[in-house]
Amino acid sequence: MHIFSKLGLDDNQSKEVKAIVFKMQKEMVQNKPMSRLPKIELREILGKDPVDVKVAETKQTDRVLENRSCHDTYSGNRGY
């Protein structure tokens, strides 16, 4: 990654930054499928005729909480 040389990082610093980047990329890939599931389930619920509004509202709440949980994980906010 040539950007590290542009930043003036030495070899040890470059290795540490690379390790952090790869760790975050792996975490993002692992969490991504879970964050899509509530959205797919909500679309499935909304596609039914008639739509059960209570179930749709519950699923939307689940989506919001899941998104908040993922955001807290990446932002370092653990809720305490």
C-alpha atoms as a PDB file:
ATOM      1  CA  MET A   1       0.000   0.000   0.000  1.00  0.00           C
ATOM      2  CA  HIS A   2       1.929   2.960  -1.283  1.00  0.00           C
ATOM      3  CA  ILE A   3      -0.113   5.461   0.713  1.00  0.00           C
ATOM      4  CA  PHE A   4       1.865   4.558   3.812  1.00  0.00           C
ATOM      5  CA  SER A   5       5.083   5.759   2.209  1.00  0.00           C
ATOM      6  CA  LYS A   6       3.344   9.016   1.274  1.00  0.00           C
ATOM      7  CA  LEU A   7       2.328   9.429   4.911  1.00  0.00           C
ATOM      8  CA  GLY A   8       5.908   8.954   5.994  1.00  0.00           C
ATOM      9  CA  LEU A   9       5.197   5.840   8.062  1.00  0.00           C
ATOM     10  CA  ASP A  10       8.026   3.480   8.878  1.00  0.00           C
ATOM     11  CA  ASP A  11       7.717  -0.281   8.313  1.00  0.00           C
ATOM     12  CA  ASN A  12       6.405  -1.019  11.810  1.00  0.00           C
ATOM     13  CA  GLN A  13       3.784   1.727  11.608  1.00  0.00           C
ATOM     14  CA  SER A  14       2.732   0.523   8.156  1.00  0.00           C
ATOM     15  CA  LYS A  15       2.302  -3.030   9.446  1.00  0.00           C
ATOM     16  CA  GLU A  16       0.207  -1.838  12.377  1.00  0.00           C
ATOM     17  CA  VAL A  17      -2.058   0.277  10.164  1.00  0.00           C
ATOM     18  CA  LYS A  18      -2.456  -2.579   7.656  1.00  0.00           C
ATOM     19  CA  ALA A  19      -3.455  -4.924  10.466  1.00  0.00           C
ATOM     20  CA  ILE A  20      -6.087  -2.457  11.678  1.00  0.00           C
ATOM     21  CA  VAL A  21      -7.445  -1.918   8.154  1.00  0.00           C
ATOM     22  CA  PHE A  22      -7.759  -5.640   7.474  1.00  0.00           C
ATOM     23  CA  LYS A  23      -9.368  -6.289  10.863  1.00  0.00           C
ATOM     24  CA  MET A  24     -12.001  -3.605  10.217  1.00  0.00           C
ATOM     25  CA  GLN A  25     -12.665  -4.906   6.691  1.00  0.00           C
ATOM     26  CA  LYS A  26     -13.214  -8.412   8.037  1.00  0.00           C
ATOM     27  CA  GLU A  27     -15.591  -7.152  10.726  1.00  0.00           C
ATOM     28  CA  MET A  28     -17.548  -5.157   8.160  1.00  0.00           C
ATOM     29  CA  VAL A  29     -17.958  -8.201   5.917  1.00  0.00           C
ATOM     30  CA  GLN A  30     -19.051 -10.360   8.827  1.00  0.00           C
ATOM     31  CA  ASN A  31     -21.652  -7.840  10.021  1.00  0.00           C
ATOM     32  CA  LYS A  32     -22.979  -6.851   6.609  1.00  0.00           C
ATOM     33  CA  PRO A  33     -25.182  -9.899   5.921  1.00  0.00           C
ATOM     34  CA  MET A  34     -26.841  -9.529   9.319  1.00  0.00           C
ATOM     35  CA  SER A  35     -27.646  -5.895   8.703  1.00  0.00           C
ATOM     36  CA  ARG A  36     -29.451  -6.761   5.452  1.00  0.00           C
ATOM     37  CA  LEU A  37     -31.653  -9.491   6.902  1.00  0.00           C
ATOM     38  CA  PRO A  38     -34.188  -7.260   8.716  1.00  0.00           C
ATOM     39  CA  LYS A  39     -34.570  -5.114   5.572  1.00  0.00           C
ATOM     40  CA  ILE A  40     -35.325  -8.181   3.450  1.00  0.00           C
ATOM     41  CA  GLU A  41     -37.779  -9.465   6.042  1.00  0.00           C
ATOM     42  CA  LEU A  42     -39.534  -6.072   6.144  1.00  0.00           C
ATOM     43  CA  ARG A  43     -39.894  -6.044   2.347  1.00  0.00           C
ATOM     44  CA  GLU A  44     -41.357  -9.549   2.554  1.00  0.00           C
ATOM     45  CA  ILE A  45     -43.902  -8.415   5.168  1.00  0.00           C
ATOM     46  CA  LEU A  46     -44.847  -5.308   3.177  1.00  0.00           C
ATOM     47  CA  GLY A  47     -45.309  -7.412   0.038  1.00  0.00           C
ATOM     48  CA  LYS A  48     -48.135  -9.444   1.577  1.00  0.00           C
ATOM     49  CA  ASP A  49     -51.761  -8.609   0.961  1.00  0.00           C
ATOM     50  CA  PRO A  50     -53.128  -7.487   3.368  1.00  0.00           C
ATOM     51  CA  VAL A  51     -50.157  -5.978   5.193  1.00  0.00           C
ATOM     52  CA  ASP A  52     -50.072  -6.701   8.921  1.00  0.00           C
ATOM     53  CA  VAL A  53     -49.181  -3.224  10.174  1.00  0.00           C
ATOM     54  CA  LYS A  54     -48.243  -4.384  13.683  1.00  0.00           C
ATOM     55  CA  VAL A  55     -45.771  -6.945  12.309  1.00  0.00           C
ATOM     56  CA  ALA A  56     -44.329  -4.365   9.892  1.00  0.00           C
ATOM     57  CA  GLU A  57     -43.874  -1.832  12.691  1.00  0.00           C
ATOM     58  CA  THR A  58     -42.130  -4.434  14.852  1.00  0.00           C
ATOM     59  CA  LYS A  59     -39.809  -5.400  12.011  1.00  0.00           C
ATOM     60  CA  GLN A  60     -38.998  -1.747  11.315  1.00  0.00           C
ATOM     61  CA  THR A  61     -38.124  -1.297  14.989  1.00  0.00           C
ATOM     62  CA  ASP A  62     -35.866  -4.352  14.745  1.00  0.00           C
ATOM     63  CA  ARG A  63     -34.145  -2.798  11.712  1.00  0.00           C
ATOM     64  CA  VAL A  64     -33.529   0.460  13.531  1.00  0.00           C
ATOM     65  CA  LEU A  65     -32.119  -1.333  16.566  1.00  0.00           C
ATOM     66  CA  GLU A  66     -29.902  -3.541  14.382  1.00  0.00           C
ATOM     67  CA  ASN A  67     -28.561  -0.533  12.491  1.00  0.00           C
ATOM     68  CA  ARG A  68     -27.919   1.289  15.754  1.00  0.00           C
ATOM     69  CA  SER A  69     -26.113  -1.773  17.114  1.00  0.00           C
ATOM     70  CA  CYS A  70     -23.886  -1.998  14.019  1.00  0.00           C
ATOM     71  CA  HIS A  71     -23.169   1.729  14.192  1.00  0.00           C
ATOM     72  CA  ASP A  72     -22.281   1.489  17.880  1.00  0.00           C
ATOM     73  CA  THR A  73     -19.892  -1.373  17.132  1.00  0.00           C
ATOM     74  CA  TYR A  74     -17.981   0.635  14.530  1.00  0.00           C
ATOM     75  CA  SER A  75     -18.046   3.929  16.391  1.00  0.00           C
ATOM     76  CA  GLY A  76     -16.715   2.388  19.577  1.00  0.00           C
ATOM     77  CA  ASN A  77     -19.896   3.180  21.513  1.00  0.00           C
ATOM     78  CA  ARG A  78     -20.708   0.156  23.600  1.00  0.00           C
ATOM     79  CA  GLY A  79     -23.758   1.678  25.246  1.00  0.00           C
ATOM     80  CA  TYR A  80     -22.212   2.264  28.656  1.00  0.00           C
END
